[in-house]
Amino acid sequence: VHERSHTGDRPYQCEHPGCGKAFATGYGLKSHVRTHTGEKPYRCTEENCTKSFKTSGDLQKHIRTHTGERPFKCPFEGCGRSFTTSNIRKVHIRTHTGERPYYCTEPGCGRAFASATNYKNHVRIHTGEKPYVCTVPGCDKRFTEYSSLYKHHVVHTHSKPYNCNHCGKTYKQISTLAMHKR
């Protein structure tokens, strides 16, 4: 199996219509198929946490958000940041190196990104895709990024989690608090 990582052999083919992705291991295919089925069999057992995941590895990474463990340290002198996954550290390192390996192919755009996630979110500006949907009954708002959907939810909860430490006034969004402080 390890040899396939060098040869590029990927004998395990996804049979989902229109997919065509292939994998070096049966486990890789099995966890990929869950992107089509939505199955997330690995559940977090932390109290008040309802998250579940496609792979045991994803669950292990998530558990670090509860334990506070951040084993991946930035190697740059004086930075001091640490991260829950090696991939998040790799993207962070690009803030030091300036590397932006993901280029937008839209004619005339020319933007480049340090992370695949930021690139994918950007591409949606061009395609108009808005995959993140508000699930509150009667609300049909859609968003290009999960973070925008998350910020939108305060409209329904009426929570104002951002407080001014000078006057005590509260705000729904951190950007509004920042404007208030100016």
C-alpha atoms as a PDB file:
ATOM      1  CA  VAL A   1       0.000   0.000   0.000  1.00  0.00           C
ATOM      2  CA  HIS A   2       2.788   2.467   0.904  1.00  0.00           C
ATOM      3  CA  GLU A   3       4.398   1.829  -2.477  1.00  0.00           C
ATOM      4  CA  ARG A   4       1.326   3.332  -4.158  1.00  0.00           C
ATOM      5  CA  SER A   5       2.171   6.714  -2.634  1.00  0.00           C
ATOM      6  CA  HIS A   6       5.296   6.654  -4.829  1.00  0.00           C
ATOM      7  CA  THR A   7       3.869   5.027  -7.966  1.00  0.00           C
ATOM      8  CA  GLY A   8       0.636   7.019  -8.055  1.00  0.00           C
ATOM      9  CA  ASP A   9      -1.386   3.804  -8.440  1.00  0.00           C
ATOM     10  CA  ARG A  10      -4.973   4.407  -7.334  1.00  0.00           C
ATOM     11  CA  PRO A  11      -6.979   1.214  -7.819  1.00  0.00           C
ATOM     12  CA  TYR A  12      -9.943   2.175  -5.614  1.00  0.00           C
ATOM     13  CA  GLN A  13     -12.411   4.117  -7.795  1.00  0.00           C
ATOM     14  CA  CYS A  14     -15.437   6.068  -6.520  1.00  0.00           C
ATOM     15  CA  GLU A  15     -18.569   4.815  -8.267  1.00  0.00           C
ATOM     16  CA  HIS A  16     -20.735   7.810  -7.404  1.00  0.00           C
ATOM     17  CA  PRO A  17     -22.216   9.227 -10.652  1.00  0.00           C
ATOM     18  CA  GLY A  18     -20.059  12.028 -12.033  1.00  0.00           C
ATOM     19  CA  CYS A  19     -17.306  11.714  -9.423  1.00  0.00           C
ATOM     20  CA  GLY A  20     -14.516   9.559 -10.829  1.00  0.00           C
ATOM     21  CA  LYS A  21     -12.048  10.134  -7.966  1.00  0.00           C
ATOM     22  CA  ALA A  22      -9.640   7.291  -7.239  1.00  0.00           C
ATOM     23  CA  PHE A  23      -7.654   6.329  -4.139  1.00  0.00           C
ATOM     24  CA  ALA A  24      -4.572   4.350  -3.183  1.00  0.00           C
ATOM     25  CA  THR A  25      -6.330   2.630  -0.265  1.00  0.00           C
ATOM     26  CA  GLY A  26      -9.727   1.179   0.457  1.00  0.00           C
ATOM     27  CA  TYR A  27      -9.872   3.343   3.589  1.00  0.00           C
ATOM     28  CA  GLY A  28      -9.299   6.453   1.467  1.00  0.00           C
ATOM     29  CA  LEU A  29     -12.198   5.479  -0.792  1.00  0.00           C
ATOM     30  CA  LYS A  30     -14.438   4.611   2.168  1.00  0.00           C
ATOM     31  CA  SER A  31     -13.914   7.984   3.859  1.00  0.00           C
ATOM     32  CA  HIS A  32     -14.364   9.775   0.493  1.00  0.00           C
ATOM     33  CA  VAL A  33     -17.700   8.026  -0.151  1.00  0.00           C
ATOM     34  CA  ARG A  34     -18.920   9.654   3.063  1.00  0.00           C
ATOM     35  CA  THR A  35     -18.702  13.048   1.299  1.00  0.00           C
ATOM     36  CA  HIS A  36     -21.497  11.758  -0.949  1.00  0.00           C
ATOM     37  CA  THR A  37     -23.552   9.971   1.730  1.00  0.00           C
ATOM     38  CA  GLY A  38     -23.082  12.552   4.486  1.00  0.00           C
ATOM     39  CA  GLU A  39     -22.269   9.764   6.944  1.00  0.00           C
ATOM     40  CA  LYS A  40     -20.225  10.915   9.953  1.00  0.00           C
ATOM     41  CA  PRO A  41     -19.833   7.883  12.213  1.00  0.00           C
ATOM     42  CA  TYR A  42     -17.143   9.284  14.533  1.00  0.00           C
ATOM     43  CA  ARG A  43     -18.848  11.288  17.274  1.00  0.00           C
ATOM     44  CA  CYS A  44     -17.284  13.577  19.845  1.00  0.00           C
ATOM     45  CA  THR A  45     -18.055  12.328  23.361  1.00  0.00           C
ATOM     46  CA  GLU A  46     -17.343  15.666  25.082  1.00  0.00           C
ATOM     47  CA  GLU A  47     -20.294  16.954  27.096  1.00  0.00           C
ATOM     48  CA  ASN A  48     -22.458  19.467  25.154  1.00  0.00           C
ATOM     49  CA  CYS A  49     -20.590  18.776  21.899  1.00  0.00           C
ATOM     50  CA  THR A  50     -22.705  17.420  19.055  1.00  0.00           C
ATOM     51  CA  LYS A  51     -20.023  17.262  16.354  1.00  0.00           C
ATOM     52  CA  SER A  52     -19.346  14.132  14.340  1.00  0.00           C
ATOM     53  CA  PHE A  53     -16.807  13.349  11.634  1.00  0.00           C
ATOM     54  CA  LYS A  54     -16.149  11.260   8.527  1.00  0.00           C
ATOM     55  CA  THR A  55     -12.845   9.856   9.807  1.00  0.00           C
ATOM     56  CA  SER A  56     -11.312   8.954  13.150  1.00  0.00           C
ATOM     57  CA  GLY A  57      -8.400  11.259  12.285  1.00  0.00           C
ATOM     58  CA  ASP A  58     -10.755  14.227  11.898  1.00  0.00           C
ATOM     59  CA  LEU A  59     -12.281  13.382  15.292  1.00  0.00           C
ATOM     60  CA  GLN A  60      -8.811  13.265  16.892  1.00  0.00           C
ATOM     61  CA  LYS A  61      -7.998  16.718  15.466  1.00  0.00           C
ATOM     62  CA  HIS A  62     -11.319  18.049  16.789  1.00  0.00           C
ATOM     63  CA  ILE A  63     -10.675  16.676  20.287  1.00  0.00           C
ATOM     64  CA  ARG A  64      -7.694  19.051  20.483  1.00  0.00           C
ATOM     65  CA  THR A  65     -10.167  21.961  20.453  1.00  0.00           C
ATOM     66  CA  HIS A  66     -11.458  20.629  23.789  1.00  0.00           C
ATOM     67  CA  THR A  67      -8.093  19.706  25.315  1.00  0.00           C
ATOM     68  CA  GLY A  68      -6.285  22.827  24.130  1.00  0.00           C
ATOM     69  CA  GLU A  69      -3.434  20.694  22.771  1.00  0.00           C
ATOM     70  CA  ARG A  70      -1.515  22.502  20.017  1.00  0.00           C
ATOM     71  CA  PRO A  71       1.439  20.265  19.192  1.00  0.00           C
ATOM     72  CA  PHE A  72       2.485  21.888  15.908  1.00  0.00           C
ATOM     73  CA  LYS A  73       4.754  24.872  16.617  1.00  0.00           C
ATOM     74  CA  CYS A  74       5.697  27.593  14.136  1.00  0.00           C
ATOM     75  CA  PRO A  75       9.428  27.223  13.396  1.00  0.00           C
ATOM     76  CA  PHE A  76       9.997  30.937  12.795  1.00  0.00           C
ATOM     77  CA  GLU A  77      12.055  32.718  15.442  1.00  0.00           C
ATOM     78  CA  GLY A  78       9.961  34.972  17.664  1.00  0.00           C
ATOM     79  CA  CYS A  79       6.574  33.841  16.356  1.00  0.00           C
ATOM     80  CA  GLY A  80       5.535  31.533  19.184  1.00  0.00           C
ATOM     81  CA  ARG A  81       2.290  30.377  17.558  1.00  0.00           C
ATOM     82  CA  SER A  82       1.221  26.738  17.706  1.00  0.00           C
ATOM     83  CA  PHE A  83      -1.556  24.822  15.984  1.00  0.00           C
ATOM     84  CA  THR A  84      -3.851  21.832  16.328  1.00  0.00           C
ATOM     85  CA  THR A  85      -2.873  20.340  12.937  1.00  0.00           C
ATOM     86  CA  SER A  86       0.232  20.294  10.762  1.00  0.00           C
ATOM     87  CA  ASN A  87      -1.816  21.568   7.817  1.00  0.00           C
ATOM     88  CA  ILE A  88      -2.949  24.690   9.694  1.00  0.00           C
ATOM     89  CA  ARG A  89       0.704  25.279  10.642  1.00  0.00           C
ATOM     90  CA  LYS A  90       1.751  24.871   6.986  1.00  0.00           C
ATOM     91  CA  VAL A  91      -0.754  27.542   5.900  1.00  0.00           C
ATOM     92  CA  HIS A  92       0.391  29.818   8.758  1.00  0.00           C
ATOM     93  CA  ILE A  93       4.043  29.486   7.708  1.00  0.00           C
ATOM     94  CA  ARG A  94       3.038  31.069   4.402  1.00  0.00           C
ATOM     95  CA  THR A  95       2.314  34.308   6.302  1.00  0.00           C
ATOM     96  CA  HIS A  96       6.063  34.385   7.002  1.00  0.00           C
ATOM     97  CA  THR A  97       7.256  33.256   3.564  1.00  0.00           C
ATOM     98  CA  GLY A  98       4.674  35.096   1.452  1.00  0.00           C
ATOM     99  CA  GLU A  99       3.979  31.915  -0.533  1.00  0.00           C
ATOM    100  CA  ARG A 100       0.556  31.880  -2.223  1.00  0.00           C
ATOM    101  CA  PRO A 101       0.344  28.676  -4.265  1.00  0.00           C
ATOM    102  CA  TYR A 102      -3.365  28.860  -5.179  1.00  0.00           C
ATOM    103  CA  TYR A 103      -3.996  31.124  -8.181  1.00  0.00           C
ATOM    104  CA  CYS A 104      -7.397  32.196  -9.453  1.00  0.00           C
ATOM    105  CA  THR A 105      -7.752  31.177 -13.105  1.00  0.00           C
ATOM    106  CA  GLU A 106     -10.603  33.587 -13.825  1.00  0.00           C
ATOM    107  CA  PRO A 107      -9.467  35.880 -16.679  1.00  0.00           C
ATOM    108  CA  GLY A 108      -8.471  39.301 -15.361  1.00  0.00           C
ATOM    109  CA  CYS A 109      -8.562  38.308 -11.688  1.00  0.00           C
ATOM    110  CA  GLY A 110      -4.988  37.382 -10.811  1.00  0.00           C
ATOM    111  CA  ARG A 111      -5.585  36.840  -7.080  1.00  0.00           C
ATOM    112  CA  ALA A 112      -3.499  34.261  -5.234  1.00  0.00           C
ATOM    113  CA  PHE A 113      -4.098  32.568  -1.891  1.00  0.00           C
ATOM    114  CA  ALA A 114      -2.114  30.884   0.863  1.00  0.00           C
ATOM    115  CA  SER A 115      -4.788  28.251   1.559  1.00  0.00           C
ATOM    116  CA  ALA A 116      -6.982  26.042  -0.585  1.00  0.00           C
ATOM    117  CA  THR A 117      -9.980  27.023   1.564  1.00  0.00           C
ATOM    118  CA  ASN A 118      -9.523  30.742   0.899  1.00  0.00           C
ATOM    119  CA  TYR A 119      -9.067  29.996  -2.804  1.00  0.00           C
ATOM    120  CA  LYS A 120     -12.286  27.913  -2.952  1.00  0.00           C
ATOM    121  CA  ASN A 121     -14.210  30.632  -1.119  1.00  0.00           C
ATOM    122  CA  HIS A 122     -12.873  33.225  -3.578  1.00  0.00           C
ATOM    123  CA  VAL A 123     -13.843  31.173  -6.656  1.00  0.00           C
ATOM    124  CA  ARG A 124     -17.461  31.298  -5.472  1.00  0.00           C
ATOM    125  CA  ILE A 125     -17.408  35.066  -6.095  1.00  0.00           C
ATOM    126  CA  HIS A 126     -16.971  34.252  -9.786  1.00  0.00           C
ATOM    127  CA  THR A 127     -19.345  31.251  -9.942  1.00  0.00           C
ATOM    128  CA  GLY A 128     -22.081  32.710  -7.739  1.00  0.00           C
ATOM    129  CA  GLU A 129     -22.240  29.449  -5.756  1.00  0.00           C
ATOM    130  CA  LYS A 130     -23.605  29.876  -2.226  1.00  0.00           C
ATOM    131  CA  PRO A 131     -23.512  26.449  -0.576  1.00  0.00           C
ATOM    132  CA  TYR A 132     -24.039  27.564   3.032  1.00  0.00           C
ATOM    133  CA  VAL A 133     -27.768  27.838   3.719  1.00  0.00           C
ATOM    134  CA  CYS A 134     -29.488  29.265   6.787  1.00  0.00           C
ATOM    135  CA  THR A 135     -31.617  26.498   8.296  1.00  0.00           C
ATOM    136  CA  VAL A 136     -33.946  28.782  10.261  1.00  0.00           C
ATOM    137  CA  PRO A 137     -37.520  28.271   8.968  1.00  0.00           C
ATOM    138  CA  GLY A 138     -38.606  31.146   6.732  1.00  0.00           C
ATOM    139  CA  CYS A 139     -35.061  32.381   6.134  1.00  0.00           C
ATOM    140  CA  ASP A 140     -33.706  31.641   2.679  1.00  0.00           C
ATOM    141  CA  LYS A 141     -30.335  33.378   3.013  1.00  0.00           C
ATOM    142  CA  ARG A 142     -27.342  31.657   1.390  1.00  0.00           C
ATOM    143  CA  PHE A 143     -23.636  32.384   1.722  1.00  0.00           C
ATOM    144  CA  THR A 144     -20.371  31.698  -0.097  1.00  0.00           C
ATOM    145  CA  GLU A 145     -18.485  31.070   3.181  1.00  0.00           C
ATOM    146  CA  TYR A 146     -19.339  29.234   6.382  1.00  0.00           C
ATOM    147  CA  SER A 147     -18.066  32.169   8.450  1.00  0.00           C
ATOM    148  CA  SER A 148     -20.662  34.453   6.828  1.00  0.00           C
ATOM    149  CA  LEU A 149     -23.448  32.008   7.694  1.00  0.00           C
ATOM    150  CA  TYR A 150     -22.132  31.839  11.267  1.00  0.00           C
ATOM    151  CA  LYS A 151     -22.161  35.647  11.553  1.00  0.00           C
ATOM    152  CA  HIS A 152     -25.668  35.740  10.036  1.00  0.00           C
ATOM    153  CA  HIS A 153     -27.071  33.453  12.758  1.00  0.00           C
ATOM    154  CA  VAL A 154     -26.898  36.274  15.333  1.00  0.00           C
ATOM    155  CA  VAL A 155     -29.779  37.886  13.398  1.00  0.00           C
ATOM    156  CA  HIS A 156     -31.952  35.013  14.603  1.00  0.00           C
ATOM    157  CA  THR A 157     -30.496  34.548  18.092  1.00  0.00           C
ATOM    158  CA  HIS A 158     -30.388  38.286  18.839  1.00  0.00           C
ATOM    159  CA  SER A 159     -27.174  37.679  20.785  1.00  0.00           C
ATOM    160  CA  LYS A 160     -24.619  40.455  21.032  1.00  0.00           C
ATOM    161  CA  PRO A 161     -21.419  38.706  22.066  1.00  0.00           C
ATOM    162  CA  TYR A 162     -18.999  41.605  21.464  1.00  0.00           C
ATOM    163  CA  ASN A 163     -18.667  44.071  24.380  1.00  0.00           C
ATOM    164  CA  CYS A 164     -16.948  47.447  24.536  1.00  0.00           C
ATOM    165  CA  ASN A 165     -14.596  47.354  27.517  1.00  0.00           C
ATOM    166  CA  HIS A 166     -14.929  51.148  27.953  1.00  0.00           C
ATOM    167  CA  CYS A 167     -18.689  51.782  27.973  1.00  0.00           C
ATOM    168  CA  GLY A 168     -20.185  48.261  28.147  1.00  0.00           C
ATOM    169  CA  LYS A 169     -22.216  48.596  24.929  1.00  0.00           C
ATOM    170  CA  THR A 170     -22.720  45.276  23.102  1.00  0.00           C
ATOM    171  CA  TYR A 171     -22.656  44.425  19.400  1.00  0.00           C
ATOM    172  CA  LYS A 172     -23.647  41.554  17.133  1.00  0.00           C
ATOM    173  CA  GLN A 173     -20.481  41.745  15.031  1.00  0.00           C
ATOM    174  CA  ILE A 174     -16.860  42.378  15.931  1.00  0.00           C
ATOM    175  CA  SER A 175     -16.520  44.789  12.996  1.00  0.00           C
ATOM    176  CA  THR A 176     -19.282  46.994  14.430  1.00  0.00           C
ATOM    177  CA  LEU A 177     -17.523  47.010  17.812  1.00  0.00           C
ATOM    178  CA  ALA A 178     -14.284  48.022  16.064  1.00  0.00           C
ATOM    179  CA  MET A 179     -16.066  50.963  14.344  1.00  0.00           C
ATOM    180  CA  HIS A 180     -17.563  51.997  17.705  1.00  0.00           C
ATOM    181  CA  LYS A 181     -14.098  52.054  19.306  1.00  0.00           C
ATOM    182  CA  ARG A 182     -12.741  54.443  16.638  1.00  0.00           C
END
